[in-house]
mmCIF file of all heavy atoms, coordinates in Angstrom:
data_MODEL
# 
_entry.id   MODEL 
# 
loop_
_atom_site.group_PDB 
_atom_site.id 
_atom_site.type_symbol 
_atom_site.label_atom_id 
_atom_site.label_alt_id 
_atom_site.label_comp_id 
_atom_site.label_asym_id 
_atom_site.label_entity_id 
_atom_site.label_seq_id 
_atom_site.pdbx_PDB_ins_code 
_atom_site.Cartn_x 
_atom_site.Cartn_y 
_atom_site.Cartn_z 
_atom_site.occupancy 
_atom_site.B_iso_or_equiv 
_atom_site.pdbx_formal_charge 
_atom_site.auth_seq_id 
_atom_site.auth_comp_id 
_atom_site.auth_asym_id 
_atom_site.auth_atom_id 
_atom_site.pdbx_PDB_model_num 
ATOM 1   N N   . LEU A 1 1  ? 12.158 9.465   4.184   1.00 0.00 ? 1  LEU A N   1 
ATOM 2   C CA  . LEU A 1 1  ? 11.514 8.564   3.229   1.00 0.00 ? 1  LEU A CA  1 
ATOM 3   C C   . LEU A 1 1  ? 12.176 7.323   3.125   1.00 0.00 ? 1  LEU A C   1 
ATOM 4   O O   . LEU A 1 1  ? 13.304 7.206   2.904   1.00 0.00 ? 1  LEU A O   1 
ATOM 5   C CB  . LEU A 1 1  ? 11.532 9.229   1.967   1.00 0.00 ? 1  LEU A CB  1 
ATOM 6   C CG  . LEU A 1 1  ? 10.939 8.543   0.682   1.00 0.00 ? 1  LEU A CG  1 
ATOM 7   C CD1 . LEU A 1 1  ? 9.469  8.294   0.984   1.00 0.00 ? 1  LEU A CD1 1 
ATOM 8   C CD2 . LEU A 1 1  ? 11.179 9.330   -0.584  1.00 0.00 ? 1  LEU A CD2 1 
ATOM 9   N N   . ASP A 1 2  ? 11.428 6.230   3.469   1.00 0.00 ? 2  ASP A N   1 
ATOM 10  C CA  . ASP A 1 2  ? 11.939 4.837   3.663   1.00 0.00 ? 2  ASP A CA  1 
ATOM 11  C C   . ASP A 1 2  ? 11.683 4.030   2.373   1.00 0.00 ? 2  ASP A C   1 
ATOM 12  O O   . ASP A 1 2  ? 12.597 3.280   2.003   1.00 0.00 ? 2  ASP A O   1 
ATOM 13  C CB  . ASP A 1 2  ? 11.353 4.285   4.919   1.00 0.00 ? 2  ASP A CB  1 
ATOM 14  C CG  . ASP A 1 2  ? 11.790 2.715   5.209   1.00 0.00 ? 2  ASP A CG  1 
ATOM 15  O OD1 . ASP A 1 2  ? 12.793 2.565   5.644   1.00 0.00 ? 2  ASP A OD1 1 
ATOM 16  O OD2 . ASP A 1 2  ? 10.937 1.947   4.744   1.00 0.00 ? 2  ASP A OD2 1 
ATOM 17  N N   . THR A 1 3  ? 10.490 4.033   1.963   1.00 0.00 ? 3  THR A N   1 
ATOM 18  C CA  . THR A 1 3  ? 9.985  3.171   0.941   1.00 0.00 ? 3  THR A CA  1 
ATOM 19  C C   . THR A 1 3  ? 9.107  3.818   -0.133  1.00 0.00 ? 3  THR A C   1 
ATOM 20  O O   . THR A 1 3  ? 8.316  4.660   0.408   1.00 0.00 ? 3  THR A O   1 
ATOM 21  C CB  . THR A 1 3  ? 9.245  1.895   1.542   1.00 0.00 ? 3  THR A CB  1 
ATOM 22  O OG1 . THR A 1 3  ? 10.129 1.188   2.449   1.00 0.00 ? 3  THR A OG1 1 
ATOM 23  C CG2 . THR A 1 3  ? 8.854  0.983   0.317   1.00 0.00 ? 3  THR A CG2 1 
ATOM 24  N N   . VAL A 1 4  ? 9.228  3.596   -1.390  1.00 0.00 ? 4  VAL A N   1 
ATOM 25  C CA  . VAL A 1 4  ? 8.318  4.076   -2.373  1.00 0.00 ? 4  VAL A CA  1 
ATOM 26  C C   . VAL A 1 4  ? 7.685  2.759   -3.040  1.00 0.00 ? 4  VAL A C   1 
ATOM 27  O O   . VAL A 1 4  ? 8.419  1.975   -3.553  1.00 0.00 ? 4  VAL A O   1 
ATOM 28  C CB  . VAL A 1 4  ? 8.960  5.014   -3.299  1.00 0.00 ? 4  VAL A CB  1 
ATOM 29  C CG1 . VAL A 1 4  ? 8.038  5.352   -4.507  1.00 0.00 ? 4  VAL A CG1 1 
ATOM 30  C CG2 . VAL A 1 4  ? 9.514  6.297   -2.626  1.00 0.00 ? 4  VAL A CG2 1 
ATOM 31  N N   . VAL A 1 5  ? 6.373  2.729   -3.126  1.00 0.00 ? 5  VAL A N   1 
ATOM 32  C CA  . VAL A 1 5  ? 5.694  1.699   -3.865  1.00 0.00 ? 5  VAL A CA  1 
ATOM 33  C C   . VAL A 1 5  ? 5.151  2.256   -5.121  1.00 0.00 ? 5  VAL A C   1 
ATOM 34  O O   . VAL A 1 5  ? 4.292  3.061   -5.154  1.00 0.00 ? 5  VAL A O   1 
ATOM 35  C CB  . VAL A 1 5  ? 4.528  1.108   -3.102  1.00 0.00 ? 5  VAL A CB  1 
ATOM 36  C CG1 . VAL A 1 5  ? 3.967  -0.167  -3.732  1.00 0.00 ? 5  VAL A CG1 1 
ATOM 37  C CG2 . VAL A 1 5  ? 5.097  0.735   -1.679  1.00 0.00 ? 5  VAL A CG2 1 
ATOM 38  N N   . GLU A 1 6  ? 5.582  1.706   -6.296  1.00 0.00 ? 6  GLU A N   1 
ATOM 39  C CA  . GLU A 1 6  ? 5.167  2.275   -7.552  1.00 0.00 ? 6  GLU A CA  1 
ATOM 40  C C   . GLU A 1 6  ? 3.836  1.491   -8.025  1.00 0.00 ? 6  GLU A C   1 
ATOM 41  O O   . GLU A 1 6  ? 3.878  0.222   -7.768  1.00 0.00 ? 6  GLU A O   1 
ATOM 42  C CB  . GLU A 1 6  ? 6.133  2.016   -8.665  1.00 0.00 ? 6  GLU A CB  1 
ATOM 43  C CG  . GLU A 1 6  ? 7.447  2.829   -8.286  1.00 0.00 ? 6  GLU A CG  1 
ATOM 44  C CD  . GLU A 1 6  ? 8.552  2.577   -9.347  1.00 0.00 ? 6  GLU A CD  1 
ATOM 45  O OE1 . GLU A 1 6  ? 8.550  1.588   -10.095 1.00 0.00 ? 6  GLU A OE1 1 
ATOM 46  O OE2 . GLU A 1 6  ? 9.472  3.429   -9.394  1.00 0.00 ? 6  GLU A OE2 1 
ATOM 47  N N   . LEU A 1 7  ? 2.847  2.058   -8.465  1.00 0.00 ? 7  LEU A N   1 
ATOM 48  C CA  . LEU A 1 7  ? 1.536  1.663   -8.631  1.00 0.00 ? 7  LEU A CA  1 
ATOM 49  C C   . LEU A 1 7  ? 1.096  1.757   -10.062 1.00 0.00 ? 7  LEU A C   1 
ATOM 50  O O   . LEU A 1 7  ? 1.413  2.714   -10.688 1.00 0.00 ? 7  LEU A O   1 
ATOM 51  C CB  . LEU A 1 7  ? 0.481  2.126   -7.759  1.00 0.00 ? 7  LEU A CB  1 
ATOM 52  C CG  . LEU A 1 7  ? 0.774  1.927   -6.259  1.00 0.00 ? 7  LEU A CG  1 
ATOM 53  C CD1 . LEU A 1 7  ? -0.130 2.809   -5.378  1.00 0.00 ? 7  LEU A CD1 1 
ATOM 54  C CD2 . LEU A 1 7  ? 0.607  0.509   -5.710  1.00 0.00 ? 7  LEU A CD2 1 
ATOM 55  N N   . PRO A 1 8  ? 0.127  0.872   -10.575 1.00 0.00 ? 8  PRO A N   1 
ATOM 56  C CA  . PRO A 1 8  ? -0.297 1.049   -11.925 1.00 0.00 ? 8  PRO A CA  1 
ATOM 57  C C   . PRO A 1 8  ? -1.545 1.970   -12.025 1.00 0.00 ? 8  PRO A C   1 
ATOM 58  O O   . PRO A 1 8  ? -2.095 1.884   -13.178 1.00 0.00 ? 8  PRO A O   1 
ATOM 59  C CB  . PRO A 1 8  ? -0.695 -0.433  -12.213 1.00 0.00 ? 8  PRO A CB  1 
ATOM 60  C CG  . PRO A 1 8  ? -1.151 -0.987  -10.957 1.00 0.00 ? 8  PRO A CG  1 
ATOM 61  C CD  . PRO A 1 8  ? -0.217 -0.333  -9.958  1.00 0.00 ? 8  PRO A CD  1 
ATOM 62  N N   . VAL A 1 9  ? -1.743 2.731   -11.112 1.00 0.00 ? 9  VAL A N   1 
ATOM 63  C CA  . VAL A 1 9  ? -2.824 3.633   -11.043 1.00 0.00 ? 9  VAL A CA  1 
ATOM 64  C C   . VAL A 1 9  ? -2.291 5.009   -10.523 1.00 0.00 ? 9  VAL A C   1 
ATOM 65  O O   . VAL A 1 9  ? -1.374 5.110   -9.697  1.00 0.00 ? 9  VAL A O   1 
ATOM 66  C CB  . VAL A 1 9  ? -4.051 3.312   -10.177 1.00 0.00 ? 9  VAL A CB  1 
ATOM 67  C CG1 . VAL A 1 9  ? -4.690 2.080   -10.750 1.00 0.00 ? 9  VAL A CG1 1 
ATOM 68  C CG2 . VAL A 1 9  ? -3.683 2.962   -8.755  1.00 0.00 ? 9  VAL A CG2 1 
ATOM 69  N N   . SER A 1 10 ? -2.738 6.211   -11.123 1.00 0.00 ? 10 SER A N   1 
ATOM 70  C CA  . SER A 1 10 ? -2.161 7.462   -10.575 1.00 0.00 ? 10 SER A CA  1 
ATOM 71  C C   . SER A 1 10 ? -2.975 8.002   -9.466  1.00 0.00 ? 10 SER A C   1 
ATOM 72  O O   . SER A 1 10 ? -2.481 8.713   -8.503  1.00 0.00 ? 10 SER A O   1 
ATOM 73  C CB  . SER A 1 10 ? -2.348 8.511   -11.809 1.00 0.00 ? 10 SER A CB  1 
ATOM 74  O OG  . SER A 1 10 ? -3.683 8.711   -12.215 1.00 0.00 ? 10 SER A OG  1 
ATOM 75  N N   . GLN A 1 11 ? -4.256 7.841   -9.459  1.00 0.00 ? 11 GLN A N   1 
ATOM 76  C CA  . GLN A 1 11 ? -5.157 8.483   -8.363  1.00 0.00 ? 11 GLN A CA  1 
ATOM 77  C C   . GLN A 1 11 ? -5.191 7.573   -7.093  1.00 0.00 ? 11 GLN A C   1 
ATOM 78  O O   . GLN A 1 11 ? -6.155 6.804   -7.011  1.00 0.00 ? 11 GLN A O   1 
ATOM 79  C CB  . GLN A 1 11 ? -6.543 8.710   -8.978  1.00 0.00 ? 11 GLN A CB  1 
ATOM 80  C CG  . GLN A 1 11 ? -6.307 9.864   -10.098 1.00 0.00 ? 11 GLN A CG  1 
ATOM 81  C CD  . GLN A 1 11 ? -7.640 10.181  -10.665 1.00 0.00 ? 11 GLN A CD  1 
ATOM 82  O OE1 . GLN A 1 11 ? -7.820 11.354  -11.254 1.00 0.00 ? 11 GLN A OE1 1 
ATOM 83  N NE2 . GLN A 1 11 ? -8.727 9.457   -10.711 1.00 0.00 ? 11 GLN A NE2 1 
ATOM 84  N N   . VAL A 1 12 ? -4.221 7.486   -6.358  1.00 0.00 ? 12 VAL A N   1 
ATOM 85  C CA  . VAL A 1 12 ? -4.114 6.626   -5.186  1.00 0.00 ? 12 VAL A CA  1 
ATOM 86  C C   . VAL A 1 12 ? -4.848 7.339   -4.049  1.00 0.00 ? 12 VAL A C   1 
ATOM 87  O O   . VAL A 1 12 ? -4.517 8.471   -3.754  1.00 0.00 ? 12 VAL A O   1 
ATOM 88  C CB  . VAL A 1 12 ? -2.618 6.352   -4.826  1.00 0.00 ? 12 VAL A CB  1 
ATOM 89  C CG1 . VAL A 1 12 ? -2.550 5.201   -3.907  1.00 0.00 ? 12 VAL A CG1 1 
ATOM 90  C CG2 . VAL A 1 12 ? -1.846 6.004   -6.096  1.00 0.00 ? 12 VAL A CG2 1 
ATOM 91  N N   . THR A 1 13 ? -5.614 6.759   -3.416  1.00 0.00 ? 13 THR A N   1 
ATOM 92  C CA  . THR A 1 13 ? -6.464 7.236   -2.337  1.00 0.00 ? 13 THR A CA  1 
ATOM 93  C C   . THR A 1 13 ? -6.133 7.022   -0.921  1.00 0.00 ? 13 THR A C   1 
ATOM 94  O O   . THR A 1 13 ? -6.201 7.913   -0.105  1.00 0.00 ? 13 THR A O   1 
ATOM 95  C CB  . THR A 1 13 ? -8.034 7.106   -2.566  1.00 0.00 ? 13 THR A CB  1 
ATOM 96  O OG1 . THR A 1 13 ? -8.271 5.646   -2.631  1.00 0.00 ? 13 THR A OG1 1 
ATOM 97  C CG2 . THR A 1 13 ? -8.515 7.648   -3.874  1.00 0.00 ? 13 THR A CG2 1 
ATOM 98  N N   . SER A 1 14 ? -5.959 5.722   -0.667  1.00 0.00 ? 14 SER A N   1 
ATOM 99  C CA  . SER A 1 14 ? -5.685 5.367   0.791   1.00 0.00 ? 14 SER A CA  1 
ATOM 100 C C   . SER A 1 14 ? -5.069 3.955   0.827   1.00 0.00 ? 14 SER A C   1 
ATOM 101 O O   . SER A 1 14 ? -4.830 3.294   -0.148  1.00 0.00 ? 14 SER A O   1 
ATOM 102 C CB  . SER A 1 14 ? -6.954 5.475   1.590   1.00 0.00 ? 14 SER A CB  1 
ATOM 103 O OG  . SER A 1 14 ? -6.651 5.310   2.967   1.00 0.00 ? 14 SER A OG  1 
ATOM 104 N N   . CYS A 1 15 ? -4.774 3.560   2.064   1.00 0.00 ? 15 CYS A N   1 
ATOM 105 C CA  . CYS A 1 15 ? -4.131 2.202   2.330   1.00 0.00 ? 15 CYS A CA  1 
ATOM 106 C C   . CYS A 1 15 ? -4.331 1.706   3.655   1.00 0.00 ? 15 CYS A C   1 
ATOM 107 O O   . CYS A 1 15 ? -4.594 2.538   4.648   1.00 0.00 ? 15 CYS A O   1 
ATOM 108 C CB  . CYS A 1 15 ? -2.662 2.254   1.925   1.00 0.00 ? 15 CYS A CB  1 
ATOM 109 S SG  . CYS A 1 15 ? -1.694 3.586   2.824   1.00 0.00 ? 15 CYS A SG  1 
ATOM 110 N N   . ALA A 1 16 ? -4.384 0.437   3.789   1.00 0.00 ? 16 ALA A N   1 
ATOM 111 C CA  . ALA A 1 16 ? -4.532 -0.053  5.105   1.00 0.00 ? 16 ALA A CA  1 
ATOM 112 C C   . ALA A 1 16 ? -3.986 -1.501  5.131   1.00 0.00 ? 16 ALA A C   1 
ATOM 113 O O   . ALA A 1 16 ? -3.987 -2.136  4.136   1.00 0.00 ? 16 ALA A O   1 
ATOM 114 C CB  . ALA A 1 16 ? -6.145 -0.305  5.531   1.00 0.00 ? 16 ALA A CB  1 
ATOM 115 N N   . PHE A 1 17 ? -3.539 -1.909  6.409   1.00 0.00 ? 17 PHE A N   1 
ATOM 116 C CA  . PHE A 1 17 ? -3.021 -3.290  6.473   1.00 0.00 ? 17 PHE A CA  1 
ATOM 117 C C   . PHE A 1 17 ? -4.146 -4.313  6.889   1.00 0.00 ? 17 PHE A C   1 
ATOM 118 O O   . PHE A 1 17 ? -4.980 -4.012  7.342   1.00 0.00 ? 17 PHE A O   1 
ATOM 119 C CB  . PHE A 1 17 ? -1.932 -3.382  7.564   1.00 0.00 ? 17 PHE A CB  1 
ATOM 120 C CG  . PHE A 1 17 ? -0.583 -2.937  7.183   1.00 0.00 ? 17 PHE A CG  1 
ATOM 121 C CD1 . PHE A 1 17 ? -0.231 -1.472  7.304   1.00 0.00 ? 17 PHE A CD1 1 
ATOM 122 C CD2 . PHE A 1 17 ? 0.412  -3.602  6.623   1.00 0.00 ? 17 PHE A CD2 1 
ATOM 123 C CE1 . PHE A 1 17 ? 0.957  -0.945  6.951   1.00 0.00 ? 17 PHE A CE1 1 
ATOM 124 C CE2 . PHE A 1 17 ? 1.656  -3.169  6.111   1.00 0.00 ? 17 PHE A CE2 1 
ATOM 125 C CZ  . PHE A 1 17 ? 1.839  -1.829  6.382   1.00 0.00 ? 17 PHE A CZ  1 
ATOM 126 N N   . GLY A 1 18 ? -3.901 -5.488  6.199   1.00 0.00 ? 18 GLY A N   1 
ATOM 127 C CA  . GLY A 1 18 ? -4.871 -6.519  6.483   1.00 0.00 ? 18 GLY A CA  1 
ATOM 128 C C   . GLY A 1 18 ? -4.226 -7.893  6.148   1.00 0.00 ? 18 GLY A C   1 
ATOM 129 O O   . GLY A 1 18 ? -2.940 -7.934  6.128   1.00 0.00 ? 18 GLY A O   1 
ATOM 130 N N   . GLY A 1 19 ? -4.965 -8.995  6.003   1.00 0.00 ? 19 GLY A N   1 
ATOM 131 C CA  . GLY A 1 19 ? -4.567 -10.297 5.896   1.00 0.00 ? 19 GLY A CA  1 
ATOM 132 C C   . GLY A 1 19 ? -4.452 -10.957 7.200   1.00 0.00 ? 19 GLY A C   1 
ATOM 133 O O   . GLY A 1 19 ? -4.493 -10.318 8.263   1.00 0.00 ? 19 GLY A O   1 
ATOM 134 N N   . PRO A 1 20 ? -4.380 -12.315 7.217   1.00 0.00 ? 20 PRO A N   1 
ATOM 135 C CA  . PRO A 1 20 ? -4.371 -13.160 8.407   1.00 0.00 ? 20 PRO A CA  1 
ATOM 136 C C   . PRO A 1 20 ? -3.096 -12.705 9.454   1.00 0.00 ? 20 PRO A C   1 
ATOM 137 O O   . PRO A 1 20 ? -3.426 -12.776 10.589  1.00 0.00 ? 20 PRO A O   1 
ATOM 138 C CB  . PRO A 1 20 ? -4.192 -14.542 7.912   1.00 0.00 ? 20 PRO A CB  1 
ATOM 139 C CG  . PRO A 1 20 ? -4.780 -14.600 6.621   1.00 0.00 ? 20 PRO A CG  1 
ATOM 140 C CD  . PRO A 1 20 ? -4.467 -13.261 5.978   1.00 0.00 ? 20 PRO A CD  1 
ATOM 141 N N   . ASP A 1 21 ? -2.147 -12.155 8.837   1.00 0.00 ? 21 ASP A N   1 
ATOM 142 C CA  . ASP A 1 21 ? -1.076 -11.723 9.567   1.00 0.00 ? 21 ASP A CA  1 
ATOM 143 C C   . ASP A 1 21 ? -0.781 -10.278 9.715   1.00 0.00 ? 21 ASP A C   1 
ATOM 144 O O   . ASP A 1 21 ? 0.273  -9.766  10.040  1.00 0.00 ? 21 ASP A O   1 
ATOM 145 C CB  . ASP A 1 21 ? 0.280  -12.513 9.245   1.00 0.00 ? 21 ASP A CB  1 
ATOM 146 C CG  . ASP A 1 21 ? 0.148  -14.059 9.235   1.00 0.00 ? 21 ASP A CG  1 
ATOM 147 O OD1 . ASP A 1 21 ? -0.263 -14.536 10.382  1.00 0.00 ? 21 ASP A OD1 1 
ATOM 148 O OD2 . ASP A 1 21 ? 0.564  -14.836 8.271   1.00 0.00 ? 21 ASP A OD2 1 
ATOM 149 N N   . LEU A 1 22 ? -1.653 -9.526  9.187   1.00 0.00 ? 22 LEU A N   1 
ATOM 150 C CA  . LEU A 1 22 ? -1.563 -8.047  8.926   1.00 0.00 ? 22 LEU A CA  1 
ATOM 151 C C   . LEU A 1 22 ? -0.329 -7.710  8.292   1.00 0.00 ? 22 LEU A C   1 
ATOM 152 O O   . LEU A 1 22 ? 0.295  -6.482  8.494   1.00 0.00 ? 22 LEU A O   1 
ATOM 153 C CB  . LEU A 1 22 ? -1.736 -7.410  10.343  1.00 0.00 ? 22 LEU A CB  1 
ATOM 154 C CG  . LEU A 1 22 ? -3.005 -7.500  11.202  1.00 0.00 ? 22 LEU A CG  1 
ATOM 155 C CD1 . LEU A 1 22 ? -2.928 -6.869  12.468  1.00 0.00 ? 22 LEU A CD1 1 
ATOM 156 C CD2 . LEU A 1 22 ? -4.199 -6.949  10.280  1.00 0.00 ? 22 LEU A CD2 1 
ATOM 157 N N   . ASP A 1 23 ? 0.086  -8.349  7.332   1.00 0.00 ? 23 ASP A N   1 
ATOM 158 C CA  . ASP A 1 23 ? 1.380  -8.130  6.620   1.00 0.00 ? 23 ASP A CA  1 
ATOM 159 C C   . ASP A 1 23 ? 1.076  -7.787  5.109   1.00 0.00 ? 23 ASP A C   1 
ATOM 160 O O   . ASP A 1 23 ? 2.002  -7.785  4.334   1.00 0.00 ? 23 ASP A O   1 
ATOM 161 C CB  . ASP A 1 23 ? 2.352  -9.234  6.806   1.00 0.00 ? 23 ASP A CB  1 
ATOM 162 C CG  . ASP A 1 23 ? 1.791  -10.556 6.103   1.00 0.00 ? 23 ASP A CG  1 
ATOM 163 O OD1 . ASP A 1 23 ? 0.602  -10.696 5.715   1.00 0.00 ? 23 ASP A OD1 1 
ATOM 164 O OD2 . ASP A 1 23 ? 2.635  -11.528 6.144   1.00 0.00 ? 23 ASP A OD2 1 
ATOM 165 N N   . GLU A 1 24 ? -0.174 -7.561  4.838   1.00 0.00 ? 24 GLU A N   1 
ATOM 166 C CA  . GLU A 1 24 ? -0.701 -7.124  3.422   1.00 0.00 ? 24 GLU A CA  1 
ATOM 167 C C   . GLU A 1 24 ? -1.124 -5.769  3.436   1.00 0.00 ? 24 GLU A C   1 
ATOM 168 O O   . GLU A 1 24 ? -1.963 -5.445  4.219   1.00 0.00 ? 24 GLU A O   1 
ATOM 169 C CB  . GLU A 1 24 ? -1.684 -8.126  2.906   1.00 0.00 ? 24 GLU A CB  1 
ATOM 170 C CG  . GLU A 1 24 ? -1.185 -9.566  2.825   1.00 0.00 ? 24 GLU A CG  1 
ATOM 171 C CD  . GLU A 1 24 ? -2.406 -10.497 2.567   1.00 0.00 ? 24 GLU A CD  1 
ATOM 172 O OE1 . GLU A 1 24 ? -3.606 -10.147 2.428   1.00 0.00 ? 24 GLU A OE1 1 
ATOM 173 O OE2 . GLU A 1 24 ? -2.121 -11.721 2.239   1.00 0.00 ? 24 GLU A OE2 1 
# 
């Protein structure tokens, strides 16, 4: 386990990188 991102929502469904530099 390297990183934990805390979010303001409980039902988190998925994630993907984007942005012009793919760093978001």
